[in-house]
Amino acid sequence: MSRALLKFVRLSPTKARLIAREIQGANAEKALASLQFMPNKAARFIYKALSSAVANSGIDPQKAIVKSCRVDKAAILRRFTPRARGRGTPIRKPTSHILVEVEKESK
């Protein structure tokens, strides 16, 4: 089993988890193909982490499966935008940690 960790990605963890659930337990080659054509921002980063995990394992993508794909909450960048009467309202820019684990398919 091998893994890849992508840290502090400027991406909402709740939106990224929707994509991560799609590829759990799937064949690595099929998961990479489906991620490549998804329009979501999260799909790009998960694709990058998955391809790195497959490369780390040294296994052929056809014989590898995605054991787990986890998206954890990271630090939040806090910014302020000006509003009326001299006030400012906060803007929260979330970041995520993406962990992908790949293992050889057992038959």
PDB file of N, CA and C in Angstrom:
ATOM      1  N   MET A   1       0.843  -1.177   0.000  1.00  0.00           N
ATOM      2  CA  MET A   1       0.000   0.000   0.000  1.00  0.00           C
ATOM      3  C   MET A   1       0.887   1.238   0.000  1.00  0.00           C
ATOM      4  N   SER A   2       0.524   2.197  -0.817  1.00  0.00           N
ATOM      5  CA  SER A   2       1.249   3.459  -0.838  1.00  0.00           C
ATOM      6  C   SER A   2       0.250   4.601  -0.772  1.00  0.00           C
ATOM      7  N   ARG A   3       0.761   5.765  -0.441  1.00  0.00           N
ATOM      8  CA  ARG A   3      -0.132   6.903  -0.289  1.00  0.00           C
ATOM      9  C   ARG A   3       0.516   8.182  -0.776  1.00  0.00           C
ATOM     10  N   ALA A   4      -0.325   9.174  -0.979  1.00  0.00           N
ATOM     11  CA  ALA A   4       0.136  10.506  -1.367  1.00  0.00           C
ATOM     12  C   ALA A   4      -0.691  11.524  -0.585  1.00  0.00           C
ATOM     13  N   LEU A   5      -0.025  12.551  -0.095  1.00  0.00           N
ATOM     14  CA  LEU A   5      -0.677  13.574   0.715  1.00  0.00           C
ATOM     15  C   LEU A   5      -0.440  14.931   0.086  1.00  0.00           C
ATOM     16  N   LEU A   6      -1.520  15.639  -0.180  1.00  0.00           N
ATOM     17  CA  LEU A   6      -1.468  16.980  -0.752  1.00  0.00           C
ATOM     18  C   LEU A   6      -1.992  17.927   0.330  1.00  0.00           C
ATOM     19  N   LYS A   7      -1.143  18.838   0.800  1.00  0.00           N
ATOM     20  CA  LYS A   7      -1.508  19.663   1.947  1.00  0.00           C
ATOM     21  C   LYS A   7      -1.779  21.112   1.560  1.00  0.00           C
ATOM     22  N   PHE A   8      -2.670  21.737   2.323  1.00  0.00           N
ATOM     23  CA  PHE A   8      -3.014  23.156   2.208  1.00  0.00           C
ATOM     24  C   PHE A   8      -3.448  23.552   0.801  1.00  0.00           C
ATOM     25  N   VAL A   9      -4.362  22.780   0.249  1.00  0.00           N
ATOM     26  CA  VAL A   9      -4.929  23.071  -1.066  1.00  0.00           C
ATOM     27  C   VAL A   9      -6.056  24.076  -0.868  1.00  0.00           C
ATOM     28  N   ARG A  10      -6.084  25.149  -1.680  1.00  0.00           N
ATOM     29  CA  ARG A  10      -7.119  26.182  -1.547  1.00  0.00           C
ATOM     30  C   ARG A  10      -8.414  25.675  -2.153  1.00  0.00           C
ATOM     31  N   LEU A  11      -9.135  24.907  -1.343  1.00  0.00           N
ATOM     32  CA  LEU A  11     -10.280  24.173  -1.808  1.00  0.00           C
ATOM     33  C   LEU A  11     -11.156  23.856  -0.609  1.00  0.00           C
ATOM     34  N   SER A  12     -12.454  23.963  -0.764  1.00  0.00           N
ATOM     35  CA  SER A  12     -13.375  23.664   0.321  1.00  0.00           C
ATOM     36  C   SER A  12     -13.430  22.151   0.567  1.00  0.00           C
ATOM     37  N   PRO A  13     -13.243  21.702   1.809  1.00  0.00           N
ATOM     38  CA  PRO A  13     -13.264  20.260   2.070  1.00  0.00           C
ATOM     39  C   PRO A  13     -14.625  19.622   1.813  1.00  0.00           C
ATOM     40  N   THR A  14     -15.702  20.339   2.046  1.00  0.00           N
ATOM     41  CA  THR A  14     -17.025  19.752   1.827  1.00  0.00           C
ATOM     42  C   THR A  14     -17.279  19.496   0.350  1.00  0.00           C
ATOM     43  N   LYS A  15     -16.808  20.388  -0.515  1.00  0.00           N
ATOM     44  CA  LYS A  15     -16.969  20.186  -1.952  1.00  0.00           C
ATOM     45  C   LYS A  15     -16.035  19.091  -2.457  1.00  0.00           C
ATOM     46  N   ALA A  16     -14.845  19.002  -1.876  1.00  0.00           N
ATOM     47  CA  ALA A  16     -13.878  17.994  -2.305  1.00  0.00           C
ATOM     48  C   ALA A  16     -14.301  16.592  -1.874  1.00  0.00           C
ATOM     49  N   ARG A  17     -14.986  16.475  -0.751  1.00  0.00           N
ATOM     50  CA  ARG A  17     -15.427  15.151  -0.277  1.00  0.00           C
ATOM     51  C   ARG A  17     -16.444  14.519  -1.217  1.00  0.00           C
ATOM     52  N   LEU A  18     -17.225  15.330  -1.898  1.00  0.00           N
ATOM     53  CA  LEU A  18     -18.182  14.802  -2.865  1.00  0.00           C
ATOM     54  C   LEU A  18     -17.457  14.059  -3.988  1.00  0.00           C
ATOM     55  N   ILE A  19     -16.340  14.592  -4.426  1.00  0.00           N
ATOM     56  CA  ILE A  19     -15.558  13.963  -5.485  1.00  0.00           C
ATOM     57  C   ILE A  19     -14.782  12.768  -4.940  1.00  0.00           C
ATOM     58  N   ALA A  20     -14.269  12.884  -3.720  1.00  0.00           N
ATOM     59  CA  ALA A  20     -13.477  11.809  -3.119  1.00  0.00           C
ATOM     60  C   ALA A  20     -14.306  10.538  -2.932  1.00  0.00           C
ATOM     61  N   ARG A  21     -15.579  10.694  -2.599  1.00  0.00           N
ATOM     62  CA  ARG A  21     -16.448   9.525  -2.414  1.00  0.00           C
ATOM     63  C   ARG A  21     -16.684   8.776  -3.713  1.00  0.00           C
ATOM     64  N   GLU A  22     -16.604   9.489  -4.830  1.00  0.00           N
ATOM     65  CA  GLU A  22     -16.852   8.874  -6.135  1.00  0.00           C
ATOM     66  C   GLU A  22     -15.794   7.835  -6.507  1.00  0.00           C
ATOM     67  N   ILE A  23     -14.547   8.054  -6.068  1.00  0.00           N
ATOM     68  CA  ILE A  23     -13.468   7.172  -6.518  1.00  0.00           C
ATOM     69  C   ILE A  23     -13.050   6.124  -5.496  1.00  0.00           C
ATOM     70  N   GLN A  24     -13.577   6.154  -4.285  1.00  0.00           N
ATOM     71  CA  GLN A  24     -13.181   5.172  -3.272  1.00  0.00           C
ATOM     72  C   GLN A  24     -13.564   3.768  -3.709  1.00  0.00           C
ATOM     73  N   GLY A  25     -12.593   2.854  -3.636  1.00  0.00           N
ATOM     74  CA  GLY A  25     -12.831   1.473  -4.000  1.00  0.00           C
ATOM     75  C   GLY A  25     -12.791   1.201  -5.483  1.00  0.00           C
ATOM     76  N   ALA A  26     -12.548   2.213  -6.288  1.00  0.00           N
ATOM     77  CA  ALA A  26     -12.546   2.051  -7.742  1.00  0.00           C
ATOM     78  C   ALA A  26     -11.162   1.646  -8.230  1.00  0.00           C
ATOM     79  N   ASN A  27     -11.124   1.129  -9.428  1.00  0.00           N
ATOM     80  CA  ASN A  27      -9.862   0.837 -10.103  1.00  0.00           C
ATOM     81  C   ASN A  27      -9.146   2.167 -10.341  1.00  0.00           C
ATOM     82  N   ALA A  28      -7.834   2.210 -10.123  1.00  0.00           N
ATOM     83  CA  ALA A  28      -7.087   3.466 -10.221  1.00  0.00           C
ATOM     84  C   ALA A  28      -7.124   4.049 -11.632  1.00  0.00           C
ATOM     85  N   GLU A  29      -7.052   3.198 -12.637  1.00  0.00           N
ATOM     86  CA  GLU A  29      -7.068   3.695 -14.015  1.00  0.00           C
ATOM     87  C   GLU A  29      -8.422   4.321 -14.362  1.00  0.00           C
ATOM     88  N   LYS A  30      -9.512   3.667 -13.945  1.00  0.00           N
ATOM     89  CA  LYS A  30     -10.846   4.208 -14.211  1.00  0.00           C
ATOM     90  C   LYS A  30     -11.093   5.490 -13.416  1.00  0.00           C
ATOM     91  N   ALA A  31     -10.564   5.524 -12.190  1.00  0.00           N
ATOM     92  CA  ALA A  31     -10.715   6.721 -11.359  1.00  0.00           C
ATOM     93  C   ALA A  31      -9.978   7.903 -11.978  1.00  0.00           C
ATOM     94  N   LEU A  32      -8.771   7.664 -12.484  1.00  0.00           N
ATOM     95  CA  LEU A  32      -8.010   8.734 -13.126  1.00  0.00           C
ATOM     96  C   LEU A  32      -8.724   9.238 -14.374  1.00  0.00           C
ATOM     97  N   ALA A  33      -9.299   8.316 -15.146  1.00  0.00           N
ATOM     98  CA  ALA A  33     -10.005   8.710 -16.365  1.00  0.00           C
ATOM     99  C   ALA A  33     -11.250   9.533 -16.047  1.00  0.00           C
ATOM    100  N   SER A  34     -11.982   9.142 -15.014  1.00  0.00           N
ATOM    101  CA  SER A  34     -13.191   9.893 -14.669  1.00  0.00           C
ATOM    102  C   SER A  34     -12.858  11.255 -14.066  1.00  0.00           C
ATOM    103  N   LEU A  35     -11.788  11.321 -13.268  1.00  0.00           N
ATOM    104  CA  LEU A  35     -11.388  12.599 -12.665  1.00  0.00           C
ATOM    105  C   LEU A  35     -10.904  13.588 -13.717  1.00  0.00           C
ATOM    106  N   GLN A  36     -10.287  13.068 -14.767  1.00  0.00           N
ATOM    107  CA  GLN A  36      -9.732  13.937 -15.797  1.00  0.00           C
ATOM    108  C   GLN A  36     -10.803  14.754 -16.503  1.00  0.00           C
ATOM    109  N   PHE A  37     -12.019  14.206 -16.600  1.00  0.00           N
ATOM    110  CA  PHE A  37     -13.073  14.894 -17.338  1.00  0.00           C
ATOM    111  C   PHE A  37     -14.146  15.508 -16.445  1.00  0.00           C
ATOM    112  N   MET A  38     -13.952  15.499 -15.131  1.00  0.00           N
ATOM    113  CA  MET A  38     -14.899  16.168 -14.234  1.00  0.00           C
ATOM    114  C   MET A  38     -14.627  17.669 -14.260  1.00  0.00           C
ATOM    115  N   PRO A  39     -15.671  18.496 -14.250  1.00  0.00           N
ATOM    116  CA  PRO A  39     -15.475  19.939 -14.322  1.00  0.00           C
ATOM    117  C   PRO A  39     -15.131  20.598 -12.984  1.00  0.00           C
ATOM    118  N   ASN A  40     -15.127  19.841 -11.895  1.00  0.00           N
ATOM    119  CA  ASN A  40     -14.908  20.417 -10.572  1.00  0.00           C
ATOM    120  C   ASN A  40     -13.445  20.780 -10.335  1.00  0.00           C
ATOM    121  N   LYS A  41     -13.227  21.792  -9.519  1.00  0.00           N
ATOM    122  CA  LYS A  41     -11.879  22.194  -9.135  1.00  0.00           C
ATOM    123  C   LYS A  41     -11.232  21.100  -8.294  1.00  0.00           C
ATOM    124  N   ALA A  42     -12.026  20.447  -7.463  1.00  0.00           N
ATOM    125  CA  ALA A  42     -11.512  19.395  -6.586  1.00  0.00           C
ATOM    126  C   ALA A  42     -10.985  18.213  -7.379  1.00  0.00           C
ATOM    127  N   ALA A  43     -11.572  17.935  -8.521  1.00  0.00           N
ATOM    128  CA  ALA A  43     -11.160  16.790  -9.335  1.00  0.00           C
ATOM    129  C   ALA A  43      -9.718  16.934  -9.803  1.00  0.00           C
ATOM    130  N   ARG A  44      -9.284  18.153 -10.103  1.00  0.00           N
ATOM    131  CA  ARG A  44      -7.897  18.385 -10.535  1.00  0.00           C
ATOM    132  C   ARG A  44      -6.906  18.004  -9.444  1.00  0.00           C
ATOM    133  N   PHE A  45      -7.195  18.426  -8.208  1.00  0.00           N
ATOM    134  CA  PHE A  45      -6.277  18.168  -7.109  1.00  0.00           C
ATOM    135  C   PHE A  45      -6.290  16.698  -6.694  1.00  0.00           C
ATOM    136  N   ILE A  46      -7.455  16.071  -6.707  1.00  0.00           N
ATOM    137  CA  ILE A  46      -7.540  14.652  -6.362  1.00  0.00           C
ATOM    138  C   ILE A  46      -6.871  13.815  -7.446  1.00  0.00           C
ATOM    139  N   TYR A  47      -7.000  14.222  -8.704  1.00  0.00           N
ATOM    140  CA  TYR A  47      -6.308  13.551  -9.804  1.00  0.00           C
ATOM    141  C   TYR A  47      -4.794  13.588  -9.582  1.00  0.00           C
ATOM    142  N   LYS A  48      -4.302  14.754  -9.188  1.00  0.00           N
ATOM    143  CA  LYS A  48      -2.871  14.930  -8.952  1.00  0.00           C
ATOM    144  C   LYS A  48      -2.388  14.028  -7.810  1.00  0.00           C
ATOM    145  N   ALA A  49      -3.160  13.960  -6.722  1.00  0.00           N
ATOM    146  CA  ALA A  49      -2.787  13.129  -5.578  1.00  0.00           C
ATOM    147  C   ALA A  49      -2.866  11.645  -5.926  1.00  0.00           C
ATOM    148  N   LEU A  50      -3.889  11.251  -6.682  1.00  0.00           N
ATOM    149  CA  LEU A  50      -4.051   9.847  -7.053  1.00  0.00           C
ATOM    150  C   LEU A  50      -2.936   9.396  -7.995  1.00  0.00           C
ATOM    151  N   SER A  51      -2.589  10.216  -8.968  1.00  0.00           N
ATOM    152  CA  SER A  51      -1.513   9.834  -9.882  1.00  0.00           C
ATOM    153  C   SER A  51      -0.179   9.751  -9.143  1.00  0.00           C
ATOM    154  N   SER A  52       0.013  10.591  -8.141  1.00  0.00           N
ATOM    155  CA  SER A  52       1.223  10.538  -7.328  1.00  0.00           C
ATOM    156  C   SER A  52       1.262   9.265  -6.475  1.00  0.00           C
ATOM    157  N   ALA A  53       0.116   8.872  -5.929  1.00  0.00           N
ATOM    158  CA  ALA A  53       0.053   7.652  -5.115  1.00  0.00           C
ATOM    159  C   ALA A  53       0.330   6.414  -5.962  1.00  0.00           C
ATOM    160  N   VAL A  54      -0.182   6.396  -7.185  1.00  0.00           N
ATOM    161  CA  VAL A  54       0.066   5.269  -8.097  1.00  0.00           C
ATOM    162  C   VAL A  54       1.551   5.220  -8.467  1.00  0.00           C
ATOM    163  N   ALA A  55       2.144   6.372  -8.719  1.00  0.00           N
ATOM    164  CA  ALA A  55       3.570   6.425  -9.047  1.00  0.00           C
ATOM    165  C   ALA A  55       4.426   6.000  -7.856  1.00  0.00           C
ATOM    166  N   ASN A  56       4.024   6.367  -6.644  1.00  0.00           N
ATOM    167  CA  ASN A  56       4.762   5.977  -5.436  1.00  0.00           C
ATOM    168  C   ASN A  56       4.728   4.470  -5.216  1.00  0.00           C
ATOM    169  N   SER A  57       3.616   3.842  -5.590  1.00  0.00           N
ATOM    170  CA  SER A  57       3.472   2.405  -5.353  1.00  0.00           C
ATOM    171  C   SER A  57       4.268   1.572  -6.349  1.00  0.00           C
ATOM    172  N   GLY A  58       4.460   2.090  -7.551  1.00  0.00           N
ATOM    173  CA  GLY A  58       5.153   1.339  -8.582  1.00  0.00           C
ATOM    174  C   GLY A  58       4.281   0.270  -9.216  1.00  0.00           C
ATOM    175  N   ILE A  59       2.996   0.277  -8.912  1.00  0.00           N
ATOM    176  CA  ILE A  59       2.044  -0.688  -9.454  1.00  0.00           C
ATOM    177  C   ILE A  59       1.451  -0.117 -10.737  1.00  0.00           C
ATOM    178  N   ASP A  60       1.131  -1.010 -11.665  1.00  0.00           N
ATOM    179  CA  ASP A  60       0.453  -0.600 -12.891  1.00  0.00           C
ATOM    180  C   ASP A  60      -0.942  -0.082 -12.517  1.00  0.00           C
ATOM    181  N   PRO A  61      -1.379   1.067 -13.051  1.00  0.00           N
ATOM    182  CA  PRO A  61      -2.698   1.615 -12.680  1.00  0.00           C
ATOM    183  C   PRO A  61      -3.865   0.669 -12.945  1.00  0.00           C
ATOM    184  N   GLN A  62      -3.698  -0.260 -13.900  1.00  0.00           N
ATOM    185  CA  GLN A  62      -4.775  -1.216 -14.192  1.00  0.00           C
ATOM    186  C   GLN A  62      -4.948  -2.227 -13.069  1.00  0.00           C
ATOM    187  N   LYS A  63      -3.872  -2.473 -12.303  1.00  0.00           N
ATOM    188  CA  LYS A  63      -3.915  -3.484 -11.239  1.00  0.00           C
ATOM    189  C   LYS A  63      -3.996  -2.865  -9.845  1.00  0.00           C
ATOM    190  N   ALA A  64      -4.192  -1.563  -9.772  1.00  0.00           N
ATOM    191  CA  ALA A  64      -4.271  -0.872  -8.482  1.00  0.00           C
ATOM    192  C   ALA A  64      -5.703  -0.418  -8.213  1.00  0.00           C
ATOM    193  N   ILE A  65      -6.075  -0.423  -6.934  1.00  0.00           N
ATOM    194  CA  ILE A  65      -7.378   0.103  -6.538  1.00  0.00           C
ATOM    195  C   ILE A  65      -7.182   1.214  -5.509  1.00  0.00           C
ATOM    196  N   VAL A  66      -8.128   2.105  -5.457  1.00  0.00           N
ATOM    197  CA  VAL A  66      -8.083   3.208  -4.503  1.00  0.00           C
ATOM    198  C   VAL A  66      -8.647   2.689  -3.185  1.00  0.00           C
ATOM    199  N   LYS A  67      -7.772   2.474  -2.209  1.00  0.00           N
ATOM    200  CA  LYS A  67      -8.217   1.949  -0.919  1.00  0.00           C
ATOM    201  C   LYS A  67      -9.026   3.005  -0.175  1.00  0.00           C
ATOM    202  N   SER A  68      -8.479   4.221  -0.113  1.00  0.00           N
ATOM    203  CA  SER A  68      -9.223   5.315   0.515  1.00  0.00           C
ATOM    204  C   SER A  68      -8.793   6.647  -0.074  1.00  0.00           C
ATOM    205  N   CYS A  69      -9.715   7.567  -0.055  1.00  0.00           N
ATOM    206  CA  CYS A  69      -9.463   8.942  -0.482  1.00  0.00           C
ATOM    207  C   CYS A  69     -10.111   9.831   0.572  1.00  0.00           C
ATOM    208  N   ARG A  70      -9.288  10.502   1.342  1.00  0.00           N
ATOM    209  CA  ARG A  70      -9.790  11.279   2.470  1.00  0.00           C
ATOM    210  C   ARG A  70      -9.465  12.749   2.284  1.00  0.00           C
ATOM    211  N   VAL A  71     -10.429  13.603   2.586  1.00  0.00           N
ATOM    212  CA  VAL A  71     -10.227  15.049   2.513  1.00  0.00           C
ATOM    213  C   VAL A  71     -10.469  15.620   3.908  1.00  0.00           C
ATOM    214  N   ASP A  72      -9.423  16.178   4.488  1.00  0.00           N
ATOM    215  CA  ASP A  72      -9.500  16.742   5.835  1.00  0.00           C
ATOM    216  C   ASP A  72      -9.467  18.263   5.777  1.00  0.00           C
ATOM    217  N   LYS A  73     -10.033  18.857   6.796  1.00  0.00           N
ATOM    218  CA  LYS A  73     -10.075  20.311   6.909  1.00  0.00           C
ATOM    219  C   LYS A  73      -8.703  20.821   7.362  1.00  0.00           C
ATOM    220  N   ALA A  74      -8.231  21.884   6.741  1.00  0.00           N
ATOM    221  CA  ALA A  74      -6.957  22.500   7.115  1.00  0.00           C
ATOM    222  C   ALA A  74      -7.229  23.915   7.624  1.00  0.00           C
ATOM    223  N   ALA A  75      -6.203  24.708   7.713  1.00  0.00           N
ATOM    224  CA  ALA A  75      -6.337  26.075   8.224  1.00  0.00           C
ATOM    225  C   ALA A  75      -7.228  26.909   7.307  1.00  0.00           C
ATOM    226  N   ILE A  76      -7.870  27.903   7.879  1.00  0.00           N
ATOM    227  CA  ILE A  76      -8.740  28.790   7.110  1.00  0.00           C
ATOM    228  C   ILE A  76      -8.070  30.149   6.987  1.00  0.00           C
ATOM    229  N   LEU A  77      -7.933  30.626   5.745  1.00  0.00           N
ATOM    230  CA  LEU A  77      -7.408  31.966   5.529  1.00  0.00           C
ATOM    231  C   LEU A  77      -8.532  32.957   5.816  1.00  0.00           C
ATOM    232  N   ARG A  78      -8.268  33.905   6.676  1.00  0.00           N
ATOM    233  CA  ARG A  78      -9.292  34.874   7.048  1.00  0.00           C
ATOM    234  C   ARG A  78      -8.970  36.222   6.409  1.00  0.00           C
ATOM    235  N   ARG A  79      -9.914  36.729   5.659  1.00  0.00           N
ATOM    236  CA  ARG A  79      -9.774  38.014   5.002  1.00  0.00           C
ATOM    237  C   ARG A  79     -10.996  38.865   5.339  1.00  0.00           C
ATOM    238  N   PHE A  80     -10.907  40.169   5.080  1.00  0.00           N
ATOM    239  CA  PHE A  80     -12.024  41.067   5.342  1.00  0.00           C
ATOM    240  C   PHE A  80     -12.341  41.876   4.094  1.00  0.00           C
ATOM    241  N   THR A  81     -13.627  42.113   3.896  1.00  0.00           N
ATOM    242  CA  THR A  81     -14.063  42.952   2.788  1.00  0.00           C
ATOM    243  C   THR A  81     -14.758  44.185   3.365  1.00  0.00           C
ATOM    244  N   PRO A  82     -14.509  45.372   2.806  1.00  0.00           N
ATOM    245  CA  PRO A  82     -15.142  46.573   3.340  1.00  0.00           C
ATOM    246  C   PRO A  82     -16.641  46.604   3.052  1.00  0.00           C
ATOM    247  N   ARG A  83     -17.374  47.120   4.022  1.00  0.00           N
ATOM    248  CA  ARG A  83     -18.829  47.258   3.888  1.00  0.00           C
ATOM    249  C   ARG A  83     -19.225  48.691   4.243  1.00  0.00           C
ATOM    250  N   ALA A  84     -20.493  48.932   4.285  1.00  0.00           N
ATOM    251  CA  ALA A  84     -20.991  50.290   4.532  1.00  0.00           C
ATOM    252  C   ALA A  84     -20.673  50.753   5.954  1.00  0.00           C
ATOM    253  N   ARG A  85     -20.589  52.063   6.132  1.00  0.00           N
ATOM    254  CA  ARG A  85     -20.372  52.731   7.414  1.00  0.00           C
ATOM    255  C   ARG A  85     -19.061  52.318   8.091  1.00  0.00           C
ATOM    256  N   GLY A  86     -18.048  52.048   7.302  1.00  0.00           N
ATOM    257  CA  GLY A  86     -16.728  51.763   7.858  1.00  0.00           C
ATOM    258  C   GLY A  86     -16.564  50.381   8.451  1.00  0.00           C
ATOM    259  N   ARG A  87     -17.516  49.520   8.223  1.00  0.00           N
ATOM    260  CA  ARG A  87     -17.431  48.172   8.780  1.00  0.00           C
ATOM    261  C   ARG A  87     -16.691  47.252   7.822  1.00  0.00           C
ATOM    262  N   GLY A  88     -16.369  46.082   8.324  1.00  0.00           N
ATOM    263  CA  GLY A  88     -15.769  45.051   7.485  1.00  0.00           C
ATOM    264  C   GLY A  88     -16.383  43.715   7.845  1.00  0.00           C
ATOM    265  N   THR A  89     -16.675  42.895   6.850  1.00  0.00           N
ATOM    266  CA  THR A  89     -17.211  41.561   7.139  1.00  0.00           C
ATOM    267  C   THR A  89     -16.170  40.522   6.752  1.00  0.00           C
ATOM    268  N   PRO A  90     -16.101  39.445   7.525  1.00  0.00           N
ATOM    269  CA  PRO A  90     -15.074  38.442   7.264  1.00  0.00           C
ATOM    270  C   PRO A  90     -15.371  37.586   6.042  1.00  0.00           C
ATOM    271  N   ILE A  91     -14.314  37.188   5.382  1.00  0.00           N
ATOM    272  CA  ILE A  91     -14.379  36.214   4.298  1.00  0.00           C
ATOM    273  C   ILE A  91     -13.518  35.038   4.737  1.00  0.00           C
ATOM    274  N   ARG A  92     -14.087  33.846   4.690  1.00  0.00           N
ATOM    275  CA  ARG A  92     -13.353  32.638   5.076  1.00  0.00           C
ATOM    276  C   ARG A  92     -12.940  31.898   3.807  1.00  0.00           C
ATOM    277  N   LYS A  93     -11.649  31.666   3.663  1.00  0.00           N
ATOM    278  CA  LYS A  93     -11.134  30.939   2.502  1.00  0.00           C
ATOM    279  C   LYS A  93     -10.577  29.609   3.002  1.00  0.00           C
ATOM    280  N   PRO A  94     -11.361  28.531   2.889  1.00  0.00           N
ATOM    281  CA  PRO A  94     -10.944  27.254   3.456  1.00  0.00           C
ATOM    282  C   PRO A  94      -9.847  26.564   2.652  1.00  0.00           C
ATOM    283  N   THR A  95      -9.049  25.761   3.351  1.00  0.00           N
ATOM    284  CA  THR A  95      -8.038  24.931   2.715  1.00  0.00           C
ATOM    285  C   THR A  95      -8.237  23.487   3.156  1.00  0.00           C
ATOM    286  N   SER A  96      -7.635  22.555   2.425  1.00  0.00           N
ATOM    287  CA  SER A  96      -7.848  21.127   2.660  1.00  0.00           C
ATOM    288  C   SER A  96      -6.545  20.353   2.585  1.00  0.00           C
ATOM    289  N   HIS A  97      -6.547  19.172   3.218  1.00  0.00           N
ATOM    290  CA  HIS A  97      -5.489  18.176   3.062  1.00  0.00           C
ATOM    291  C   HIS A  97      -6.128  16.984   2.363  1.00  0.00           C
ATOM    292  N   ILE A  98      -5.521  16.503   1.290  1.00  0.00           N
ATOM    293  CA  ILE A  98      -6.053  15.368   0.536  1.00  0.00           C
ATOM    294  C   ILE A  98      -5.099  14.188   0.691  1.00  0.00           C
ATOM    295  N   LEU A  99      -5.616  13.057   1.189  1.00  0.00           N
ATOM    296  CA  LEU A  99      -4.828  11.838   1.379  1.00  0.00           C
ATOM    297  C   LEU A  99      -5.433  10.735   0.527  1.00  0.00           C
ATOM    298  N   VAL A 100      -4.627  10.153  -0.361  1.00  0.00           N
ATOM    299  CA  VAL A 100      -5.083   9.064  -1.226  1.00  0.00           C
ATOM    300  C   VAL A 100      -4.199   7.848  -0.969  1.00  0.00           C
ATOM    301  N   GLU A 101      -4.841   6.698  -0.698  1.00  0.00           N
ATOM    302  CA  GLU A 101      -4.123   5.448  -0.483  1.00  0.00           C
ATOM    303  C   GLU A 101      -4.477   4.462  -1.578  1.00  0.00           C
ATOM    304  N   VAL A 102      -3.451   3.829  -2.140  1.00  0.00           N
ATOM    305  CA  VAL A 102      -3.613   2.895  -3.252  1.00  0.00           C
ATOM    306  C   VAL A 102      -2.980   1.570  -2.857  1.00  0.00           C
ATOM    307  N   GLU A 103      -3.637   0.457  -3.230  1.00  0.00           N
ATOM    308  CA  GLU A 103      -3.041  -0.860  -2.981  1.00  0.00           C
ATOM    309  C   GLU A 103      -3.243  -1.762  -4.180  1.00  0.00           C
ATOM    310  N   LYS A 104      -2.497  -2.847  -4.201  1.00  0.00           N
ATOM    311  CA  LYS A 104      -2.581  -3.790  -5.311  1.00  0.00           C
ATOM    312  C   LYS A 104      -3.889  -4.560  -5.217  1.00  0.00           C
ATOM    313  N   GLU A 105      -4.508  -4.759  -6.373  1.00  0.00           N
ATOM    314  CA  GLU A 105      -5.787  -5.454  -6.417  1.00  0.00           C
ATOM    315  C   GLU A 105      -5.578  -6.932  -6.089  1.00  0.00           C
ATOM    316  N   SER A 106      -6.357  -7.439  -5.139  1.00  0.00           N
ATOM    317  CA  SER A 106      -6.234  -8.850  -4.763  1.00  0.00           C
ATOM    318  C   SER A 106      -7.283  -9.671  -5.497  1.00  0.00           C
ATOM    319  N   LYS A 107      -6.863 -10.793  -6.032  1.00  0.00           N
ATOM    320  CA  LYS A 107      -7.790 -11.629  -6.793  1.00  0.00           C
ATOM    321  C   LYS A 107      -7.949 -12.986  -6.132  1.00  0.00           C
TER     322      LYS A 107
END
